[in-house]
Amino acid sequence: MPRSRRGARRGPGIGRACSPPSEEEAGSEVLSHCSSASEGASPAEEGAGNEAAGEQGQEEEEAEDRLKEHMDNLLDKSAKTRQVALQSLRLTFSSKTLSEFLLERRLTLTDSLEKCLKKGKGEEQALAGTVLTLLCLQMGSGPEGEEVFRSLKPLLISVLTDSMASPSARQSCATALGMCCYIAAADLEDLVLCLSCLEGVFSPPSTGEGGSAPTQHGPLHCSALQSWSLLLTICPPSHIKNVLDNRWLKLPPLLSSSNVVLRILAGETIALVFELAQYVEEDLCHQDTEFLRVQLKVLATESNKYRAKTDRRKQRSIFRDILRFIESGEYQEETVRFGLECMYLDSWARQRTYQAFKEVLGSGIRHHLQNNELLREIFGLGPPLMLDAAALKASKVSRFEKHLYNSAAFKARTKARSRVRDKRADVL
């Protein structure tokens, strides 16, 4: 499959990114301030700057030494030591960009992760799958990332389809298989194989049109469905049509699952399928989808007391958006801000992609959006902004300014709500 698929069909606005209205002015002011400050620096200040740079270099060397130690510990005889090393690698890979450091060590690390997946149990396998995903994300979509994916793809499929393996290990492998395939798969055969494996997890052969899905689902089914829907966003039109013809009807039975997360994922995936149908000029409305609309309306207004209040509120909100999109094509746009930049989530494909990376990176998603070239390419953000530490520090808003802004926003919000309440009182 051509590597240019990253910038190919992902829905309207997939390359949209934005910056705050005053970013250029703020950036120029910050840079000019920093340049003027550096021009007038005294010898003492220059010495302090050199000392700070030396300390930073020493800290980087110590961090690299710790990373090497963690990698060595992956081969330790103690399972606890291996798990601690995997946890440390997971935290480091998700919070930093280390592509250059990992480039020459990827083969050694891949072999170590393979041993953890083969010989480890439960938690160790789950951590190894997560670290593998992060390693592939660090390597990117080039030959190095493809090499990592190809070497461990059979093992990921083996653990995922092994009913005797621990649920946490299978869940981690489902996420790793979907993410690594999305990032590094270059052949259509790999993509189709991964889709088939994931579909077999969340939708067994007995579940299909006219069938009933089992009501008990767990995190494994959620991870498999999330990865499957993520891979749909990079499928060629021919395979999308195949999915639309006979496979998407396996999704509606999942709306009756007892797992609220799976219900929501199934609803979002159905909306994604309708969106992809528009891109390939297929009309799903001519099919018998009335039963689906009824299900979505029930979920958008459900008030059953046996469900948790927070679950009901979240479910109603999301399914109202899903139903609105299917009936009128209207999507509720979201904005994600990071550093001096922001980007729009203005399609179901874009939202699914962002949520998948956020699930893996956690709080490190903002750092990677700012610095990881792969993510910036996927979301159309362009090259990373080149701002030094002084410029970033100068661009930050002080705590007092944040307090003033939040106070003004709170007052404005209170006034707006008061006006609405007054109008409602007049009507009543």
Protein backbone atom coordinates (compact mmCIF):
# COMPACT_ATOMS: atom_id res chain seq x y z
CA MET A 1 0.00 0.00 0.00
CA PRO A 2 1.48 3.40 -0.90
CA ARG A 3 3.01 5.31 1.94
CA SER A 4 1.20 8.48 0.86
CA ARG A 5 -1.97 7.14 2.47
CA ARG A 6 -1.30 9.35 5.50
CA GLY A 7 -2.33 12.44 3.63
CA ALA A 8 -4.98 10.68 1.54
CA ARG A 9 -8.68 10.34 2.21
CA ARG A 10 -9.44 10.87 5.87
CA GLY A 11 -12.50 12.99 5.56
CA PRO A 12 -13.13 16.69 5.06
CA GLY A 13 -10.71 18.95 6.86
CA ILE A 14 -8.27 16.19 7.77
CA GLY A 15 -5.34 18.50 7.21
CA ARG A 16 -6.85 21.39 9.10
CA ALA A 17 -4.77 22.87 11.85
CA CYS A 18 -4.94 26.27 13.44
CA SER A 19 -2.96 28.58 15.62
CA PRO A 20 -4.23 31.21 18.04
CA PRO A 21 -5.11 34.43 16.17
CA SER A 22 -2.18 36.31 17.66
CA GLU A 23 0.39 33.51 17.37
CA GLU A 24 2.49 35.24 14.70
CA GLU A 25 2.55 38.49 16.62
CA ALA A 26 3.26 36.72 19.90
CA GLY A 27 5.94 34.57 18.30
CA SER A 28 7.66 37.56 16.70
CA GLU A 29 7.53 39.51 19.96
CA VAL A 30 8.93 36.59 21.90
CA LEU A 31 11.74 35.97 19.43
CA SER A 32 12.62 39.66 19.19
CA HIS A 33 12.60 39.93 22.97
CA CYS A 34 14.88 36.91 23.29
CA SER A 35 17.25 38.15 20.59
CA SER A 36 17.51 41.61 22.12
CA ALA A 37 18.08 40.06 25.54
CA SER A 38 20.84 37.85 24.18
CA GLU A 39 22.51 40.80 22.39
CA GLY A 40 22.75 42.73 25.63
CA ALA A 41 23.89 39.78 27.74
CA SER A 42 26.84 40.37 30.03
CA PRO A 43 29.84 37.98 30.28
CA ALA A 44 28.44 36.73 33.60
CA GLU A 45 25.09 35.93 31.97
CA GLU A 46 26.83 34.19 29.09
CA GLY A 47 28.79 32.11 31.60
CA ALA A 48 25.60 31.18 33.39
CA GLY A 49 24.05 30.17 30.08
CA ASN A 50 27.00 27.94 29.23
CA GLU A 51 26.80 26.37 32.67
CA ALA A 52 23.08 25.68 32.22
CA ALA A 53 23.77 24.11 28.82
CA GLY A 54 26.43 21.90 30.38
CA GLU A 55 24.05 20.79 33.10
CA GLN A 56 21.39 20.02 30.50
CA GLY A 57 23.85 17.90 28.53
CA GLN A 58 24.82 16.01 31.66
CA GLU A 59 21.15 15.36 32.47
CA GLU A 60 20.59 13.99 28.95
CA GLU A 61 23.54 11.64 29.32
CA GLU A 62 22.22 10.37 32.64
CA ALA A 63 18.77 9.85 31.13
CA GLU A 64 20.28 7.83 28.26
CA ASP A 65 22.24 5.72 30.75
CA ARG A 66 19.03 4.97 32.64
CA LEU A 67 17.30 4.01 29.39
CA LYS A 68 20.12 1.63 28.49
CA GLU A 69 19.87 0.08 31.94
CA HIS A 70 16.11 -0.45 31.53
CA MET A 71 16.69 -2.11 28.16
CA ASP A 72 19.28 -4.44 29.68
CA ASN A 73 16.85 -5.32 32.47
CA LEU A 74 14.34 -6.64 29.91
CA LEU A 75 16.51 -9.77 29.75
CA ASP A 76 16.72 -10.20 33.53
CA LYS A 77 15.65 -13.53 35.03
CA SER A 78 13.30 -11.83 37.49
CA ALA A 79 9.82 -11.16 36.09
CA LYS A 80 9.39 -8.26 38.53
CA THR A 81 12.58 -6.61 37.27
CA ARG A 82 11.40 -6.97 33.68
CA GLN A 83 8.03 -5.43 34.50
CA VAL A 84 9.64 -2.46 36.26
CA ALA A 85 11.86 -1.91 33.20
CA LEU A 86 8.85 -2.10 30.86
CA GLN A 87 6.92 0.41 32.98
CA SER A 88 9.86 2.83 32.92
CA LEU A 89 10.24 2.49 29.14
CA ARG A 90 6.50 3.05 28.68
CA LEU A 91 6.58 6.28 30.68
CA THR A 92 9.70 7.55 28.90
CA PHE A 93 8.58 6.69 25.36
CA SER A 94 5.17 8.30 25.89
CA SER A 95 6.57 11.56 27.28
CA LYS A 96 9.62 12.12 25.04
CA THR A 97 10.65 11.85 21.39
CA LEU A 98 13.68 9.57 21.20
CA SER A 99 13.77 8.46 17.57
CA GLU A 100 17.49 9.12 17.10
CA PHE A 101 18.44 7.32 20.31
CA LEU A 102 16.24 4.32 19.48
CA LEU A 103 17.21 4.06 15.83
CA GLU A 104 20.40 2.07 16.37
CA ARG A 105 18.93 0.09 19.27
CA ARG A 106 15.61 -0.88 17.72
CA LEU A 107 16.65 -4.43 16.77
CA THR A 108 17.94 -5.22 20.27
CA LEU A 109 14.82 -3.73 21.85
CA THR A 110 12.55 -5.59 19.43
CA ASP A 111 14.20 -8.92 20.31
CA SER A 112 13.80 -8.20 24.02
CA LEU A 113 10.10 -7.32 23.60
CA GLU A 114 9.59 -10.51 21.60
CA LYS A 115 10.97 -12.55 24.51
CA CYS A 116 8.69 -10.72 26.95
CA LEU A 117 5.66 -11.46 24.77
CA LYS A 118 6.60 -15.12 24.32
CA LYS A 119 7.76 -16.08 27.81
CA GLY A 120 6.05 -13.48 29.96
CA LYS A 121 2.65 -13.77 31.60
CA GLY A 122 -0.27 -11.40 31.97
CA GLU A 123 0.96 -7.97 33.03
CA GLU A 124 4.40 -8.42 31.47
CA GLN A 125 2.88 -9.28 28.08
CA ALA A 126 0.50 -6.32 28.33
CA LEU A 127 3.34 -3.91 29.09
CA ALA A 128 5.47 -5.37 26.29
CA GLY A 129 2.63 -4.78 23.80
CA THR A 130 2.30 -1.16 24.91
CA VAL A 131 6.06 -0.53 24.70
CA LEU A 132 6.10 -2.09 21.23
CA THR A 133 3.36 0.31 20.12
CA LEU A 134 5.34 3.27 21.45
CA LEU A 135 8.53 2.02 19.79
CA CYS A 136 6.75 1.83 16.43
CA LEU A 137 5.37 5.32 17.00
CA GLN A 138 8.88 6.61 17.70
CA MET A 139 10.28 4.93 14.55
CA GLY A 140 7.56 6.34 12.29
CA SER A 141 6.20 5.06 8.99
CA GLY A 142 9.57 4.57 7.28
CA PRO A 143 11.52 1.33 6.75
CA GLU A 144 12.54 1.16 10.43
CA GLY A 145 8.95 1.22 11.70
CA GLU A 146 7.89 -1.24 9.02
CA GLU A 147 10.70 -3.57 10.08
CA VAL A 148 9.55 -3.50 13.72
CA PHE A 149 5.93 -4.18 12.73
CA ARG A 150 6.72 -7.05 10.36
CA SER A 151 8.98 -8.82 12.87
CA LEU A 152 6.39 -8.91 15.66
CA LYS A 153 3.09 -8.98 13.74
CA PRO A 154 2.77 -12.82 13.82
CA LEU A 155 3.39 -12.86 17.57
CA LEU A 156 0.82 -10.11 18.21
CA ILE A 157 -1.79 -12.04 16.23
CA SER A 158 -0.89 -15.25 18.07
CA VAL A 159 -1.43 -13.69 21.52
CA LEU A 160 -4.57 -11.83 20.40
CA THR A 161 -6.28 -14.95 19.07
CA ASP A 162 -5.19 -17.20 21.96
CA SER A 163 -8.26 -17.69 24.15
CA MET A 164 -6.04 -19.04 26.94
CA ALA A 165 -3.92 -15.87 27.15
CA SER A 166 -4.73 -13.29 29.81
CA PRO A 167 -7.37 -10.68 28.83
CA SER A 168 -4.98 -7.80 29.59
CA ALA A 169 -2.32 -9.26 27.28
CA ARG A 170 -4.86 -9.80 24.48
CA GLN A 171 -6.19 -6.29 24.93
CA SER A 172 -2.70 -4.78 24.70
CA CYS A 173 -1.93 -6.85 21.59
CA ALA A 174 -5.20 -5.71 19.97
CA THR A 175 -4.17 -2.09 20.46
CA ALA A 176 -0.59 -2.78 19.32
CA LEU A 177 -1.73 -4.62 16.20
CA GLY A 178 -4.05 -1.81 15.14
CA MET A 179 -1.66 1.04 15.92
CA CYS A 180 1.46 -0.55 14.43
CA CYS A 181 -0.45 -1.55 11.29
CA TYR A 182 -1.80 2.00 10.98
CA ILE A 183 1.67 3.48 11.37
CA ALA A 184 3.92 1.10 9.46
CA ALA A 185 2.02 -1.38 7.25
CA ALA A 186 3.01 -0.86 3.61
CA ASP A 187 1.07 -3.75 2.03
CA LEU A 188 -2.68 -4.09 1.62
CA GLU A 189 -2.42 -7.77 2.63
CA ASP A 190 -1.16 -6.78 6.08
CA LEU A 191 -4.01 -4.31 6.50
CA VAL A 192 -6.69 -6.81 5.48
CA LEU A 193 -5.22 -9.52 7.74
CA CYS A 194 -5.17 -7.21 10.77
CA LEU A 195 -8.76 -6.08 10.10
CA SER A 196 -9.90 -9.69 9.91
CA CYS A 197 -8.18 -10.66 13.18
CA LEU A 198 -9.62 -7.69 15.06
CA GLU A 199 -13.10 -8.24 13.65
CA GLY A 200 -12.99 -11.84 14.84
CA VAL A 201 -12.50 -10.61 18.42
CA PHE A 202 -15.34 -8.08 18.78
CA SER A 203 -17.71 -9.82 16.38
CA PRO A 204 -17.56 -13.65 16.45
CA PRO A 205 -18.97 -15.60 13.48
CA SER A 206 -22.22 -16.22 15.35
CA THR A 207 -22.86 -12.49 15.60
CA GLY A 208 -24.12 -10.94 12.41
CA GLU A 209 -27.21 -9.73 10.65
CA GLY A 210 -30.20 -11.19 12.36
CA GLY A 211 -28.05 -12.48 15.26
CA SER A 212 -27.76 -11.22 18.76
CA ALA A 213 -24.52 -10.14 20.33
CA PRO A 214 -23.61 -11.43 23.77
CA THR A 215 -24.44 -8.86 26.41
CA GLN A 216 -21.16 -9.31 28.35
CA HIS A 217 -18.19 -7.52 26.89
CA GLY A 218 -14.91 -6.33 28.33
CA PRO A 219 -11.95 -4.07 27.56
CA LEU A 220 -10.66 -6.61 25.00
CA HIS A 221 -13.71 -6.10 22.75
CA CYS A 222 -13.42 -2.33 23.13
CA SER A 223 -9.72 -2.30 22.15
CA ALA A 224 -10.37 -4.60 19.17
CA LEU A 225 -13.23 -2.43 17.90
CA GLN A 226 -11.22 0.76 18.38
CA SER A 227 -8.27 -0.65 16.43
CA TRP A 228 -10.57 -2.01 13.70
CA SER A 229 -12.27 1.36 13.22
CA LEU A 230 -8.87 3.10 13.21
CA LEU A 231 -7.70 0.89 10.33
CA LEU A 232 -10.90 1.63 8.42
CA THR A 233 -9.72 5.23 8.07
CA ILE A 234 -6.76 4.16 5.87
CA CYS A 235 -8.54 1.47 3.84
CA PRO A 236 -8.63 1.92 0.06
CA PRO A 237 -12.08 2.58 -1.48
CA SER A 238 -12.38 -0.97 -2.77
CA HIS A 239 -12.13 -2.46 0.71
CA ILE A 240 -14.40 0.22 2.18
CA LYS A 241 -17.10 -0.86 -0.28
CA ASN A 242 -16.61 -4.46 0.82
CA VAL A 243 -17.13 -3.45 4.45
CA LEU A 244 -20.21 -1.43 3.53
CA ASP A 245 -21.71 -4.31 1.58
CA ASN A 246 -21.80 -6.98 4.28
CA ARG A 247 -19.74 -6.30 7.41
CA TRP A 248 -20.94 -3.06 8.96
CA LEU A 249 -24.25 -4.71 9.97
CA LYS A 250 -22.29 -6.57 12.66
CA LEU A 251 -22.03 -3.27 14.54
CA PRO A 252 -25.70 -2.53 15.49
CA PRO A 253 -25.99 -5.60 17.80
CA LEU A 254 -23.12 -4.16 19.86
CA LEU A 255 -25.34 -1.18 20.74
CA SER A 256 -27.23 -3.46 23.15
CA SER A 257 -24.08 -4.46 25.05
CA SER A 258 -24.04 -4.00 28.82
CA ASN A 259 -20.66 -2.26 28.50
CA VAL A 260 -21.22 1.49 28.11
CA VAL A 261 -17.78 2.05 26.56
CA LEU A 262 -18.46 -0.57 23.88
CA ARG A 263 -21.90 0.89 23.17
CA ILE A 264 -20.36 4.31 22.62
CA LEU A 265 -17.51 2.90 20.49
CA ALA A 266 -20.02 0.98 18.38
CA GLY A 267 -22.10 4.13 17.85
CA GLU A 268 -19.05 6.19 16.88
CA THR A 269 -17.91 3.43 14.50
CA ILE A 270 -21.34 3.37 12.85
CA ALA A 271 -21.08 7.13 12.34
CA LEU A 272 -17.58 6.61 10.89
CA VAL A 273 -18.94 3.99 8.46
CA PHE A 274 -21.63 6.43 7.27
CA GLU A 275 -18.95 9.09 6.83
CA LEU A 276 -16.70 6.75 4.82
CA ALA A 277 -19.70 5.78 2.69
CA GLN A 278 -20.02 9.44 1.65
CA TYR A 279 -16.35 9.54 0.63
CA VAL A 280 -16.71 6.53 -1.69
CA GLU A 281 -20.08 7.81 -2.95
CA GLU A 282 -22.08 4.99 -1.42
CA ASP A 283 -25.54 5.62 -0.01
CA LEU A 284 -26.40 3.59 3.07
CA CYS A 285 -29.75 5.31 3.55
CA HIS A 286 -31.33 3.23 0.80
CA GLN A 287 -30.76 0.15 2.96
CA ASP A 288 -33.09 -0.79 5.77
CA THR A 289 -31.56 1.39 8.48
CA GLU A 290 -34.77 2.33 10.25
CA PHE A 291 -34.09 -0.21 13.00
CA LEU A 292 -30.69 1.47 13.52
CA ARG A 293 -32.22 4.93 13.85
CA VAL A 294 -34.65 3.60 16.45
CA GLN A 295 -31.78 2.12 18.46
CA LEU A 296 -29.80 5.36 18.29
CA LYS A 297 -32.82 7.42 19.41
CA VAL A 298 -33.35 5.12 22.39
CA LEU A 299 -29.70 5.44 23.43
CA ALA A 300 -29.80 9.23 22.92
CA THR A 301 -32.73 9.55 25.36
CA GLU A 302 -32.19 6.61 27.70
CA SER A 303 -33.03 7.23 31.35
CA ASN A 304 -32.94 3.75 32.86
CA LYS A 305 -32.15 4.00 36.55
CA TYR A 306 -30.12 0.79 36.63
CA ARG A 307 -27.36 2.55 34.66
CA ALA A 308 -25.00 4.96 36.40
CA LYS A 309 -25.96 8.63 36.08
CA THR A 310 -22.57 9.62 34.60
CA ASP A 311 -22.81 6.78 32.06
CA ARG A 312 -26.32 7.86 31.03
CA ARG A 313 -25.27 11.49 30.66
CA LYS A 314 -22.19 10.66 28.55
CA GLN A 315 -24.12 8.17 26.43
CA ARG A 316 -26.97 10.58 25.70
CA SER A 317 -24.59 13.37 24.70
CA ILE A 318 -22.55 11.24 22.29
CA PHE A 319 -25.52 9.45 20.73
CA ARG A 320 -27.28 12.77 20.12
CA ASP A 321 -24.22 13.81 18.08
CA ILE A 322 -24.20 10.45 16.25
CA LEU A 323 -27.90 10.63 15.42
CA ARG A 324 -27.58 14.25 14.25
CA PHE A 325 -24.74 13.29 11.92
CA ILE A 326 -26.57 10.31 10.40
CA GLU A 327 -29.76 12.31 9.87
CA SER A 328 -28.33 15.65 8.74
CA GLY A 329 -24.58 15.17 8.18
CA GLU A 330 -23.74 17.72 10.91
CA TYR A 331 -20.59 17.01 12.96
CA GLN A 332 -19.86 18.59 16.35
CA GLU A 333 -16.38 20.06 15.86
CA GLU A 334 -13.79 19.99 18.66
CA THR A 335 -10.58 21.94 19.17
CA VAL A 336 -7.39 20.50 20.67
CA ARG A 337 -4.80 22.98 21.93
CA PHE A 338 -1.16 22.23 22.62
CA GLY A 339 1.63 24.73 23.20
CA LEU A 340 1.19 27.68 20.84
CA GLU A 341 -0.86 25.62 18.37
CA CYS A 342 -4.25 24.03 18.04
CA MET A 343 -6.00 21.68 15.61
CA TYR A 344 -9.59 20.89 14.70
CA LEU A 345 -11.29 17.51 15.01
CA ASP A 346 -13.92 18.05 12.34
CA SER A 347 -14.75 14.50 11.21
CA TRP A 348 -15.32 11.08 12.74
CA ALA A 349 -12.18 9.76 11.02
CA ARG A 350 -10.05 12.50 12.50
CA GLN A 351 -11.58 12.06 15.93
CA ARG A 352 -11.02 8.29 15.89
CA THR A 353 -7.37 8.81 14.93
CA TYR A 354 -6.80 11.35 17.71
CA GLN A 355 -8.52 9.20 20.34
CA ALA A 356 -6.43 6.15 19.38
CA PHE A 357 -3.15 8.03 19.81
CA LYS A 358 -4.39 9.66 23.01
CA GLU A 359 -5.24 6.23 24.42
CA VAL A 360 -1.65 5.08 23.89
CA LEU A 361 0.24 8.27 24.80
CA GLY A 362 -1.92 9.49 27.67
CA SER A 363 -0.74 12.86 28.95
CA GLY A 364 2.20 12.72 26.52
CA ILE A 365 -0.10 13.35 23.54
CA ARG A 366 0.54 17.10 23.65
CA HIS A 367 4.31 16.68 23.65
CA HIS A 368 4.15 14.34 20.66
CA LEU A 369 1.77 16.62 18.78
CA GLN A 370 4.35 19.38 19.19
CA ASN A 371 7.50 17.36 18.42
CA ASN A 372 6.74 13.98 16.80
CA GLU A 373 7.05 14.29 13.02
CA LEU A 374 4.81 11.26 12.42
CA LEU A 375 1.86 12.72 14.34
CA ARG A 376 2.35 16.13 12.79
CA GLU A 377 2.27 14.52 9.34
CA ILE A 378 -0.86 12.51 10.14
CA PHE A 379 -2.76 15.55 11.42
CA GLY A 380 -1.37 17.97 8.82
CA LEU A 381 0.42 20.21 11.31
CA GLY A 382 3.58 20.78 9.27
CA PRO A 383 7.16 20.75 10.65
CA PRO A 384 7.61 21.24 14.42
CA LEU A 385 7.86 24.85 15.58
CA MET A 386 11.45 25.80 16.35
CA LEU A 387 11.22 27.68 19.66
CA ASP A 388 13.96 27.58 22.28
CA ALA A 389 13.34 27.21 26.00
CA ALA A 390 13.56 30.97 26.61
CA ALA A 391 10.95 31.69 23.97
CA LEU A 392 8.58 29.07 25.38
CA LYS A 393 9.02 30.44 28.89
CA ALA A 394 8.36 33.99 27.72
CA SER A 395 5.21 32.89 25.89
CA LYS A 396 3.65 31.35 29.00
CA VAL A 397 0.91 33.26 30.75
CA SER A 398 1.56 34.11 34.40
CA ARG A 399 -0.59 32.66 37.15
CA PHE A 400 -2.07 36.10 37.91
CA GLU A 401 -3.05 36.61 34.26
CA LYS A 402 -4.66 33.16 34.19
CA HIS A 403 -6.61 34.06 37.33
CA LEU A 404 -7.90 37.30 35.77
CA TYR A 405 -8.88 35.49 32.56
CA ASN A 406 -10.70 32.70 34.43
CA SER A 407 -12.53 35.23 36.60
CA ALA A 408 -13.72 37.19 33.56
CA ALA A 409 -14.78 34.01 31.79
CA PHE A 410 -16.70 32.84 34.86
CA LYS A 411 -18.56 36.16 35.13
CA ALA A 412 -19.45 36.14 31.43
CA ARG A 413 -20.66 32.53 31.67
CA THR A 414 -22.79 33.33 34.73
CA LYS A 415 -24.42 36.31 32.98
CA ALA A 416 -25.16 34.27 29.86
CA ARG A 417 -26.76 31.49 31.90
CA SER A 418 -28.78 33.99 33.91
CA ARG A 419 -30.23 35.49 30.73
CA VAL A 420 -31.18 32.03 29.47
CA ARG A 421 -32.83 31.14 32.77
CA ASP A 422 -34.77 34.41 32.73
CA LYS A 423 -36.08 33.68 29.22
CA ARG A 424 -37.14 30.19 30.29
CA ALA A 425 -38.97 31.68 33.28
CA ASP A 426 -40.82 34.14 31.00
CA VAL A 427 -41.90 31.33 28.69
CA LEU A 428 -43.15 29.22 31.58
